[in-house]
């Protein structure tokens, strides 16, 4: 599935692919950080801020599929972020997986339950809200 719906480009894109999407139920995305870290030898494991950004980008992908299409000059924005880091990323696996589930879905915004997994273990869990707004010219 296409990840080009999010505006971020490498090296600031922390989602490589949508692995699975179930309408009204969930989205699972993946980020192959082994390749990413190879370009940054001073980083030995995925920083928590990258996990948050990857979950946020995956959330935008879910919202883009669940709500009405973006209108002219409309952009997705991140609202509330509430996270618990269950474990520190170990860096032992090549990919981290993001799992997104809807809590509430409206025409222009969503409240989502999110989690990040590494080595099939939850390393972060939380909630994110994403809304669509009109970008003002200025």
N, C-alpha and C. Protein backbone atom coordinates (compact mmCIF):
# COMPACT_ATOMS: atom_id res chain seq x y z
N UNK A 1 0.83 -1.19 0.00
CA UNK A 1 0.00 0.00 0.00
C UNK A 1 0.88 1.25 0.00
N UNK A 2 0.37 2.27 -0.53
CA UNK A 2 1.09 3.51 -0.74
C UNK A 2 1.33 4.28 0.55
N UNK A 3 2.58 4.74 0.76
CA UNK A 3 2.90 5.59 1.90
C UNK A 3 3.13 7.03 1.47
N UNK A 4 2.96 7.30 0.19
CA UNK A 4 3.19 8.66 -0.32
C UNK A 4 2.10 9.65 0.11
N UNK A 5 1.08 9.18 0.83
CA UNK A 5 0.06 10.09 1.33
C UNK A 5 0.58 10.97 2.47
N UNK A 6 1.69 10.56 3.08
CA UNK A 6 2.28 11.40 4.13
C UNK A 6 3.32 12.32 3.49
N UNK A 7 3.42 13.54 3.98
CA UNK A 7 4.31 14.52 3.34
C UNK A 7 5.80 14.30 3.61
N UNK A 8 6.14 13.59 4.67
CA UNK A 8 7.54 13.41 5.01
C UNK A 8 8.26 12.54 3.98
N UNK A 9 9.50 12.91 3.72
CA UNK A 9 10.36 12.16 2.80
C UNK A 9 11.59 11.70 3.57
N UNK A 10 12.26 10.64 3.10
CA UNK A 10 13.49 10.22 3.76
C UNK A 10 14.50 11.37 3.81
N UNK A 11 15.22 11.55 4.85
CA UNK A 11 15.37 10.66 6.01
C UNK A 11 14.39 10.93 7.14
N UNK A 12 13.35 11.70 6.91
CA UNK A 12 12.38 12.00 7.97
C UNK A 12 11.10 11.20 7.85
N UNK A 13 11.08 10.21 6.98
CA UNK A 13 9.94 9.30 6.88
C UNK A 13 10.30 8.04 7.64
N UNK A 14 9.46 7.68 8.61
CA UNK A 14 9.73 6.53 9.45
C UNK A 14 8.70 5.42 9.24
N UNK A 15 8.14 5.37 8.03
CA UNK A 15 7.24 4.31 7.59
C UNK A 15 7.67 3.93 6.18
N UNK A 16 7.95 2.65 5.97
CA UNK A 16 8.34 2.18 4.63
C UNK A 16 7.18 1.55 3.87
N UNK A 17 6.28 0.91 4.61
CA UNK A 17 5.21 0.19 3.93
C UNK A 17 4.02 0.00 4.85
N UNK A 18 2.85 -0.09 4.25
CA UNK A 18 1.65 -0.51 4.97
C UNK A 18 1.54 -2.00 4.74
N UNK A 19 1.67 -2.76 5.81
CA UNK A 19 1.66 -4.22 5.72
C UNK A 19 0.24 -4.74 5.57
N UNK A 20 -0.67 -4.13 6.33
CA UNK A 20 -2.06 -4.59 6.30
C UNK A 20 -2.98 -3.43 6.68
N UNK A 21 -4.11 -3.38 6.01
CA UNK A 21 -5.13 -2.39 6.35
C UNK A 21 -6.48 -3.09 6.34
N UNK A 22 -7.21 -2.96 7.45
CA UNK A 22 -8.57 -3.50 7.55
C UNK A 22 -9.50 -2.32 7.83
N UNK A 23 -10.34 -2.02 6.87
CA UNK A 23 -11.25 -0.87 6.98
C UNK A 23 -12.01 -0.90 8.30
N UNK A 24 -12.05 0.24 8.95
CA UNK A 24 -12.74 0.43 10.23
C UNK A 24 -12.14 -0.37 11.39
N UNK A 25 -11.01 -1.04 11.17
CA UNK A 25 -10.45 -1.90 12.22
C UNK A 25 -9.00 -1.58 12.59
N UNK A 26 -8.11 -1.56 11.58
CA UNK A 26 -6.70 -1.40 11.93
C UNK A 26 -5.82 -1.13 10.71
N UNK A 27 -4.64 -0.66 11.00
CA UNK A 27 -3.59 -0.51 10.00
C UNK A 27 -2.29 -0.96 10.65
N UNK A 28 -1.53 -1.77 9.94
CA UNK A 28 -0.21 -2.19 10.40
C UNK A 28 0.80 -1.69 9.38
N UNK A 29 1.80 -0.97 9.86
CA UNK A 29 2.85 -0.43 9.00
C UNK A 29 4.21 -0.89 9.52
N UNK A 30 5.22 -0.80 8.67
CA UNK A 30 6.57 -1.24 9.06
C UNK A 30 7.60 -0.21 8.65
N UNK A 31 8.68 -0.18 9.43
CA UNK A 31 9.82 0.67 9.14
C UNK A 31 11.09 -0.17 9.28
N UNK A 32 11.84 -0.29 8.20
CA UNK A 32 13.09 -1.05 8.18
C UNK A 32 14.22 -0.14 8.65
N UNK A 33 14.44 -0.12 9.94
CA UNK A 33 15.42 0.83 10.46
C UNK A 33 16.86 0.35 10.38
N UNK A 34 17.10 -0.90 10.05
CA UNK A 34 18.47 -1.36 9.86
C UNK A 34 19.14 -0.59 8.73
N UNK A 35 18.41 -0.43 7.62
CA UNK A 35 18.95 0.36 6.50
C UNK A 35 19.12 1.81 6.89
N UNK A 36 18.16 2.33 7.64
CA UNK A 36 18.21 3.73 8.07
C UNK A 36 19.43 3.97 8.95
N UNK A 37 19.63 3.10 9.94
CA UNK A 37 20.74 3.28 10.87
C UNK A 37 22.10 3.10 10.20
N UNK A 38 22.14 2.36 9.12
CA UNK A 38 23.39 2.18 8.39
C UNK A 38 23.92 3.52 7.86
N UNK A 39 23.00 4.44 7.57
CA UNK A 39 23.39 5.78 7.10
C UNK A 39 23.78 6.71 8.24
N UNK A 40 23.51 6.30 9.48
CA UNK A 40 23.81 7.11 10.65
C UNK A 40 24.56 6.25 11.67
N UNK A 41 25.87 6.02 11.46
CA UNK A 41 26.62 5.09 12.31
C UNK A 41 26.72 5.52 13.78
N UNK A 42 26.43 6.77 14.08
CA UNK A 42 26.49 7.23 15.46
C UNK A 42 25.22 6.89 16.24
N UNK A 43 24.20 6.32 15.56
CA UNK A 43 22.98 5.88 16.23
C UNK A 43 22.97 4.35 16.20
N UNK A 44 22.90 3.71 17.40
CA UNK A 44 22.95 2.24 17.44
C UNK A 44 21.58 1.58 17.60
N UNK A 45 20.56 2.37 17.96
CA UNK A 45 19.21 1.83 18.05
C UNK A 45 18.23 2.95 17.75
N UNK A 46 17.00 2.58 17.48
CA UNK A 46 15.98 3.53 17.08
C UNK A 46 15.63 4.44 18.26
N UNK A 47 15.84 5.76 18.13
CA UNK A 47 15.50 6.69 19.21
C UNK A 47 13.98 6.72 19.45
N UNK A 48 13.56 6.90 20.71
CA UNK A 48 12.12 6.97 21.00
C UNK A 48 11.39 8.04 20.20
N UNK A 49 12.03 9.15 19.92
CA UNK A 49 11.37 10.21 19.13
C UNK A 49 11.05 9.72 17.72
N UNK A 50 11.88 8.83 17.16
CA UNK A 50 11.61 8.26 15.84
C UNK A 50 10.38 7.34 15.91
N UNK A 51 10.24 6.60 17.03
CA UNK A 51 9.07 5.74 17.22
C UNK A 51 7.79 6.58 17.24
N UNK A 52 7.83 7.67 17.99
CA UNK A 52 6.66 8.53 18.08
C UNK A 52 6.31 9.08 16.69
N UNK A 53 7.32 9.53 15.96
CA UNK A 53 7.08 10.06 14.62
C UNK A 53 6.55 8.98 13.68
N UNK A 54 7.09 7.77 13.77
CA UNK A 54 6.60 6.66 12.94
C UNK A 54 5.16 6.31 13.25
N UNK A 55 4.80 6.32 14.53
CA UNK A 55 3.41 6.08 14.92
C UNK A 55 2.50 7.21 14.42
N UNK A 56 2.98 8.45 14.49
CA UNK A 56 2.21 9.58 14.00
C UNK A 56 2.00 9.48 12.49
N UNK A 57 3.06 9.16 11.75
CA UNK A 57 2.95 9.02 10.30
C UNK A 57 2.01 7.87 9.93
N UNK A 58 2.07 6.77 10.66
CA UNK A 58 1.16 5.64 10.42
C UNK A 58 -0.28 6.03 10.72
N UNK A 59 -0.46 6.85 11.75
CA UNK A 59 -1.80 7.33 12.10
C UNK A 59 -2.39 8.18 10.99
N UNK A 60 -1.57 9.03 10.39
CA UNK A 60 -2.03 9.85 9.26
C UNK A 60 -2.45 8.94 8.10
N UNK A 61 -1.69 7.90 7.85
CA UNK A 61 -2.05 6.96 6.78
C UNK A 61 -3.41 6.31 7.05
N UNK A 62 -3.67 5.96 8.32
CA UNK A 62 -4.96 5.37 8.68
C UNK A 62 -6.08 6.38 8.46
N UNK A 63 -5.88 7.61 8.94
CA UNK A 63 -6.91 8.65 8.81
C UNK A 63 -7.21 8.94 7.34
N UNK A 64 -6.17 8.96 6.51
CA UNK A 64 -6.37 9.21 5.08
C UNK A 64 -7.26 8.14 4.45
N UNK A 65 -7.21 6.94 4.96
CA UNK A 65 -8.02 5.86 4.39
C UNK A 65 -9.43 5.81 4.99
N UNK A 66 -9.59 6.31 6.21
CA UNK A 66 -10.86 6.17 6.93
C UNK A 66 -11.81 7.35 6.77
N UNK A 67 -11.29 8.52 6.51
CA UNK A 67 -12.14 9.71 6.46
C UNK A 67 -12.32 10.18 5.02
N UNK A 68 -13.00 11.27 4.86
CA UNK A 68 -13.20 11.82 3.53
C UNK A 68 -11.87 12.24 2.91
N UNK A 69 -11.77 12.24 1.59
CA UNK A 69 -10.50 12.64 0.94
C UNK A 69 -10.13 14.08 1.30
N UNK A 70 -8.84 14.37 1.27
CA UNK A 70 -8.37 15.73 1.52
C UNK A 70 -8.97 16.68 0.50
N UNK A 71 -9.45 17.80 0.98
CA UNK A 71 -9.96 18.83 0.10
C UNK A 71 -8.80 19.76 -0.27
N UNK A 72 -9.05 20.65 -1.23
CA UNK A 72 -8.02 21.59 -1.64
C UNK A 72 -7.54 22.41 -0.44
N UNK A 73 -6.24 22.52 -0.29
CA UNK A 73 -5.57 23.25 0.80
C UNK A 73 -5.74 22.61 2.16
N UNK A 74 -6.27 21.40 2.23
CA UNK A 74 -6.45 20.71 3.50
C UNK A 74 -5.21 19.87 3.79
N UNK A 75 -4.79 19.86 5.05
CA UNK A 75 -3.63 19.08 5.46
C UNK A 75 -3.95 18.31 6.75
N UNK A 76 -3.32 17.15 6.96
CA UNK A 76 -3.50 16.44 8.22
C UNK A 76 -2.55 17.02 9.27
N UNK A 77 -3.05 17.19 10.49
CA UNK A 77 -2.20 17.65 11.59
C UNK A 77 -2.35 16.71 12.78
N UNK A 78 -1.30 16.65 13.55
CA UNK A 78 -1.27 15.83 14.75
C UNK A 78 -1.80 16.65 15.91
N UNK A 79 -2.68 16.05 16.70
CA UNK A 79 -3.23 16.72 17.87
C UNK A 79 -2.60 16.17 19.13
N UNK A 80 -3.37 15.42 19.88
CA UNK A 80 -2.94 14.86 21.15
C UNK A 80 -1.98 13.69 20.95
N UNK A 81 -0.97 13.64 21.79
CA UNK A 81 -0.05 12.50 21.82
C UNK A 81 0.09 12.09 23.29
N UNK A 82 -0.17 10.83 23.59
CA UNK A 82 -0.04 10.31 24.94
C UNK A 82 0.59 8.92 24.84
N UNK A 83 1.83 8.76 25.33
CA UNK A 83 2.58 7.52 25.16
C UNK A 83 3.13 6.97 26.45
N UNK A 84 3.26 5.66 26.48
CA UNK A 84 4.01 4.95 27.50
C UNK A 84 5.03 4.09 26.77
N UNK A 85 6.28 4.22 27.15
CA UNK A 85 7.32 3.36 26.59
C UNK A 85 7.47 2.16 27.51
N UNK A 86 7.07 1.00 26.99
CA UNK A 86 7.08 -0.23 27.77
C UNK A 86 8.50 -0.77 27.88
N UNK A 87 9.23 -0.73 26.77
CA UNK A 87 10.61 -1.20 26.72
C UNK A 87 11.41 -0.26 25.83
N UNK A 88 12.68 -0.18 26.08
CA UNK A 88 13.55 0.60 25.20
C UNK A 88 13.84 -0.23 23.94
N UNK A 89 13.81 0.40 22.77
CA UNK A 89 14.16 -0.35 21.55
C UNK A 89 15.54 -0.97 21.68
N UNK A 90 15.67 -2.24 21.28
CA UNK A 90 16.95 -2.93 21.40
C UNK A 90 17.77 -2.85 20.13
N UNK A 91 17.12 -2.69 19.01
CA UNK A 91 17.86 -2.63 17.77
C UNK A 91 18.25 -4.00 17.24
N UNK A 92 17.67 -5.06 17.79
CA UNK A 92 18.05 -6.40 17.39
C UNK A 92 17.34 -6.90 16.14
N UNK A 93 16.26 -6.26 15.77
CA UNK A 93 15.51 -6.69 14.59
C UNK A 93 15.61 -5.60 13.53
N UNK A 94 15.42 -5.98 12.29
CA UNK A 94 15.53 -5.02 11.20
C UNK A 94 14.35 -4.09 11.09
N UNK A 95 13.21 -4.47 11.63
CA UNK A 95 12.01 -3.66 11.44
C UNK A 95 11.31 -3.40 12.77
N UNK A 96 10.63 -2.28 12.79
CA UNK A 96 9.68 -1.99 13.85
C UNK A 96 8.31 -1.93 13.17
N UNK A 97 7.30 -2.43 13.86
CA UNK A 97 5.95 -2.45 13.32
C UNK A 97 5.06 -1.51 14.13
N UNK A 98 4.21 -0.77 13.43
CA UNK A 98 3.27 0.15 14.04
C UNK A 98 1.87 -0.41 13.85
N UNK A 99 1.10 -0.45 14.93
CA UNK A 99 -0.26 -0.97 14.87
C UNK A 99 -1.21 0.15 15.30
N UNK A 100 -2.16 0.48 14.43
CA UNK A 100 -3.08 1.59 14.64
C UNK A 100 -4.51 1.05 14.67
N UNK A 101 -5.27 1.41 15.71
CA UNK A 101 -6.68 1.02 15.83
C UNK A 101 -7.52 2.25 16.14
N UNK A 102 -8.70 2.35 15.55
CA UNK A 102 -9.55 3.52 15.83
C UNK A 102 -10.24 3.40 17.19
N UNK A 103 -10.31 4.52 17.89
CA UNK A 103 -11.13 4.62 19.10
C UNK A 103 -12.41 5.40 18.74
N UNK A 104 -12.22 6.52 18.03
CA UNK A 104 -13.32 7.35 17.53
C UNK A 104 -12.92 7.87 16.16
N UNK A 105 -13.84 7.78 15.19
CA UNK A 105 -13.59 8.29 13.84
C UNK A 105 -14.71 9.25 13.47
N UNK A 106 -14.33 10.46 13.07
CA UNK A 106 -15.28 11.47 12.63
C UNK A 106 -14.91 11.84 11.19
N UNK A 107 -15.67 12.73 10.57
CA UNK A 107 -15.40 13.06 9.18
C UNK A 107 -14.06 13.76 8.98
N UNK A 108 -13.59 14.51 9.97
CA UNK A 108 -12.36 15.29 9.82
C UNK A 108 -11.30 15.01 10.88
N UNK A 109 -11.56 14.10 11.81
CA UNK A 109 -10.54 13.77 12.80
C UNK A 109 -10.79 12.39 13.40
N UNK A 110 -9.70 11.84 13.99
CA UNK A 110 -9.76 10.51 14.59
C UNK A 110 -8.97 10.49 15.89
N UNK A 111 -9.44 9.70 16.84
CA UNK A 111 -8.69 9.37 18.04
C UNK A 111 -8.30 7.91 17.88
N UNK A 112 -7.00 7.64 18.02
CA UNK A 112 -6.47 6.31 17.69
C UNK A 112 -5.69 5.70 18.84
N UNK A 113 -5.80 4.40 18.98
CA UNK A 113 -4.97 3.62 19.89
C UNK A 113 -3.80 3.11 19.06
N UNK A 114 -2.56 3.34 19.54
CA UNK A 114 -1.38 2.98 18.74
C UNK A 114 -0.40 2.17 19.58
N UNK A 115 0.39 1.34 18.89
CA UNK A 115 1.47 0.62 19.55
C UNK A 115 2.59 0.36 18.56
N UNK A 116 3.80 0.25 19.10
CA UNK A 116 4.98 -0.07 18.30
C UNK A 116 5.54 -1.39 18.82
N UNK A 117 5.92 -2.26 17.88
CA UNK A 117 6.45 -3.57 18.25
C UNK A 117 7.82 -3.78 17.63
N UNK A 118 8.70 -4.39 18.40
CA UNK A 118 10.02 -4.80 17.92
C UNK A 118 10.24 -6.21 18.43
N UNK A 119 10.75 -7.08 17.59
CA UNK A 119 10.94 -8.48 17.96
C UNK A 119 9.66 -9.09 18.53
N UNK A 120 8.52 -8.71 17.97
CA UNK A 120 7.20 -9.19 18.34
C UNK A 120 6.80 -8.83 19.78
N UNK A 121 7.46 -7.82 20.35
CA UNK A 121 7.13 -7.34 21.69
C UNK A 121 6.73 -5.87 21.62
N UNK A 122 5.71 -5.51 22.39
CA UNK A 122 5.30 -4.11 22.43
C UNK A 122 6.38 -3.31 23.14
N UNK A 123 6.82 -2.24 22.47
CA UNK A 123 7.82 -1.36 23.08
C UNK A 123 7.25 0.02 23.41
N UNK A 124 6.12 0.37 22.81
CA UNK A 124 5.45 1.64 23.10
C UNK A 124 3.97 1.49 22.82
N UNK A 125 3.17 2.17 23.60
CA UNK A 125 1.73 2.14 23.40
C UNK A 125 1.16 3.51 23.79
N UNK A 126 0.04 3.86 23.20
CA UNK A 126 -0.53 5.16 23.54
C UNK A 126 -1.72 5.53 22.69
N UNK A 127 -2.00 6.85 22.68
CA UNK A 127 -3.10 7.40 21.90
C UNK A 127 -2.61 8.60 21.11
N UNK A 128 -3.18 8.75 19.93
CA UNK A 128 -2.85 9.88 19.05
C UNK A 128 -4.16 10.39 18.46
N UNK A 129 -4.28 11.70 18.33
CA UNK A 129 -5.40 12.24 17.56
C UNK A 129 -4.84 12.95 16.34
N UNK A 130 -5.55 12.80 15.23
CA UNK A 130 -5.17 13.41 13.96
C UNK A 130 -6.41 14.11 13.41
N UNK A 131 -6.22 15.33 12.92
CA UNK A 131 -7.32 16.09 12.32
C UNK A 131 -6.90 16.64 10.97
N UNK A 132 -7.89 17.00 10.17
CA UNK A 132 -7.63 17.66 8.89
C UNK A 132 -8.07 19.10 9.02
N UNK A 133 -7.19 20.01 8.60
CA UNK A 133 -7.49 21.44 8.67
C UNK A 133 -7.14 22.12 7.36
N UNK A 134 -7.73 23.28 7.12
CA UNK A 134 -7.41 24.07 5.94
C UNK A 134 -6.15 24.85 6.21
N UNK A 135 -5.17 24.73 5.34
CA UNK A 135 -3.92 25.47 5.46
C UNK A 135 -4.13 26.90 4.96
N UNK A 136 -3.91 27.85 5.83
CA UNK A 136 -4.06 29.25 5.48
C UNK A 136 -2.89 29.74 4.66
N UNK A 137 -3.14 30.56 3.68
CA UNK A 137 -2.07 31.19 2.90
C UNK A 137 -1.48 32.29 3.75
N UNK A 138 -0.19 32.49 3.61
CA UNK A 138 0.30 33.55 4.43
C UNK A 138 1.61 33.98 4.10
